[in-house]
Each structure stands twice: as structure tokens, then as C-alpha cells.
Amino acid sequence: DDDEDDEEDDEDEDMFGGPGLSPKSRSLCRSVVEAWLSQDDENMKRQMEVITIYVLSPFLFGLAHQSDKWLGWCLQAGLLHSKMSFNIGELDELERAVVELIGHSIVWTCDYLRSREMLSAGLEVCEEVRRTRDLEKAIDTMRKQLWFNDFIVTVKGNLCDSDQKIRDSNPLFTATGCLYTVCQVLENVQKFGEEKKDFWKEFQDEAKFENAELARKGSEFASQGDHPKAVETYTTAVLCWPYNHKAYTQRALSYLSLAKPSAAVSDGLRVTYLQPHSAEGLRIYIRALLGARLDARALKLKTKYQSLAGSADPSFDTLLESEHRSSMDSKKELELNSDSDKYAHQENSIVTRMKKTGLDHDPAGQDGYGYGYGYVEPTGGSFGGSDSSTRKKKKMNGTRSSSEDEELEPPSSDAGHAQRQQGEEQQHQQQQQLEDLLHATSLPHPL
């Protein structure tokens, strides 16, 4: 009997790629179709959620459920940087583009799977592709199916224009992404029908590897403000189980606290696939997108967010406004910090020289000029000589005649005169006035 089965399998193998499948293969195909379509909608949805995670796993979660041939094809088409090592950290632009391509492909594949005719046709052609070792030949085989060409056009229409250069960099990029998605989804559907594999139950059983203790420690570090240590702890938790949605969620929040929105985008994206029905997870992803200046991608999620949070929830627009303001504030802060660094050497040099001459502190505090460090001439003029000490004593006593006012008038430009007048009007802002004056000119201090 075993010999007869082997002969029948050999006959099937010879017929692949020919006019059709063998009777045995067709029978198996029909049984798979019946098993898949006989599920209730809720169970089908749960199965597809886990299949989606497995299909995206090499690109998002650092774990491959695919054969070496498929990983090699993805590498050849530019979808992977390597077929041996995967990323569980911050995704680069290419990796995000691949996830978007495959994610949209999965959405449309799910629609096709609800059609008995399309599911049968897909299973048959995937058997033929499975026997092919050449990527371009496999794509040509799929392109003979009119539905696959329509599938590619539909997916392309939903991709972001910003990734167009990446898709154009390799002519096989989009077609391979669609081929990979369709065949990987259908291979798992076939396992569901032939092996009675319950992906949902398998995934729930694997959740026992989730290290709750690490997640708790990470939360403690985050609550204490030690976000670098929190990120390190959450990363360890992810290494224990790469589908730990709690670790990704909390790590994304820590990245946002560390002003690393690009890293938060990567973890937020992971959470949207691990917890596709979580409004809070999607909110974190949107916050990260806005922080990383990816506003177009964030706006595309408005409908989905409102469907999860409730159609009457107006918080999405509020979120967009608040995050936009937060992003602008962060940008201004970075610019100010950069500007401060630019003038740091000059300011330190000026203050040092002022200390050496005894002008780093005014004993009277709020003197007539209100700078606290004595008057700083912005255009290179100087009081100089022994008169300056006499003037300083006058200022300490708080007395001055009109003639002395004229004497104290610095021989400066209009800009310097305006600076002096501003100092007289705002006597209680000595330090700030000095800083503004230093930043307003690149000329050296007269001392």
C-alpha cells in the first residue's frame, strides 16, 4: 500500500504545472476549502489574525516561520536585508515599506479567501509555485491568473506615495511582496484544512513564554523616569517571546518619553498587528507617527481609530492637534539647544573674561542698567579707564544726574542703544537680557 501511495505522489508531482492537479490533489484542495469556509466568522477572523502575524514575522518580529526558499526570494527582491538575521528594534524606511506592502496584501487576500472559487484557484496555483525554484518564473506563473494582476493593481493603489522610490528600486519588489503574501497565507490555510491546525490556540499556548516579571520591572523603571533602563528591560522581554504586545506597548511609550519617535513608530506598528482591536495601541502608534513627522500616515488611520474608539469619540482630532503642538515644541526646543551650543563657547569666554575683570557680579543687584553683570557693549565700545569704577559706585548709590546720563551714554550703534533702553525698561530680567544680547551679536565682548 505504501508503494502505491508513493507512485501516486510521483504522479501528482509530474502533473504540477501541467493542465491541472491530480485527482488526489484536487480532492485535498476541496477538503481544505470546505474546512476553511465552514468556520464561523469569529473563528475565521481569529485564525487570520495569527496567520497575519506569522506572515509578517520575519519583517516585524525577528522570527521566521517560512522556508529558506521564501526568505531567499524576499532577499533577492529587496524585501529583506538578510535571510539569517531579523530586526526586533527600530525599523528603517525599507522595512516599514515592506510591512505596509504585505499588510495591505493580507487585507485583500482575506477578501479573496471568502470566495470558494478564488480560494480553490489560489490553492491550485500555489501548489505550482511551491515546486518552482526561480522567483521570476514563480511570478510569471502567478501572473497567468487574471485575479493576481488585479490584486497587484489594488494593493498598489493603497500604498503611500512616499515609498514609491523604494518600490521602484527593484522591479520585483511589489510583485514579490504580493506573491509572498498570497502563497504564505494559503499555505497556512492548507495546514488548517489538512492538519487541523488551530493557529489561534497555538498562539495562546505560546503566550506562556511572556515574561510578566520583566514587564513589571520595566514599568517600575519607567515610573521612576529611568526610561533607558525600562527600554533595556522591555527588550529582554521581547527576546523571551517576540510577540509580547505588552512589552512593545510600554517600550513605545518609553521611546516617546526619550524623544525617539522613530523607534516608537516601529513598536507602535507591531502593536497594531498583535492587538488589532486595541484603540489604545493604535493611539500610541498615531502619537509616534506624528512625533516622527509622518502626518500623512497618521491621518490615514483616522477612520480605523474612530471605529475602535467609537464613532462619537472626537478625541482623534484633539490628538492630532495636541501631538502636532508637542512636535512643534520639541522641534523648537531642539533648535534652541542647537543655538545654545553654537554660542556656548563664545558665552563661556565672555563670562570668564568678565569674572577676571570683576564685572561678573553687580553688588547693587538691580542697577540702573539692569543687567546684573554690568553693562555689556554689543558693538565693541567700552567704558574703559578709571571712570568706570566711579560710575559703578554711583549706580550702587542709586543716584545719577542728567549730565551723568549723557556721560554714560555708550558710543554704540542704534541697535546697541535699543538694547540699553530695553534693559532700563525690564530691570528685573538681568540675566535674560544678557543672554539675549550675547545671542544677538557674534562680535566679541569688548573686554
Foldseek 3Di string as FASTA:
>chain_A
DVVVVVVVVVVQVVCQVHPFGDPVVLVLLLLLLCLQLVDDPVLNVLQLLLLLCQLCCQLFQFDHPDDPLLLVLCVVQVQDPDSPTGDNFFDDPSSVQLNLLLVLLSVVLVVLSNDSVSLSVLLTLLVNLVPDRDPVVNLVSQVVDVVLVVSLVVSVVPGDPVCVVVCVVGVCNNSSSNSSNSSSSSVVSSCCRPVVDRSSVVVVVVCVLQDVVLLVVLVVCVVVVNLVVSLVSLVVRCVSPSLRLSSLQSNLVSCVVVLNLSRSLSSLVSNCSSPVLDLVSLLSNLLSCLLVVVPVVSVVCVVVSCVSVPVPDPCSVVSNVVSNVVSVVVVVVVVVVVLCVVCVVQVVVQLVVLVVVVQNAQVLQLWQQQQRSPDWQLPQFDPDDPVVVVVSVCRSVVDDDPVVVVVPPTPHDPVRVVLSVVSNVCNPPNNVSVVVSSSVDPDHTND
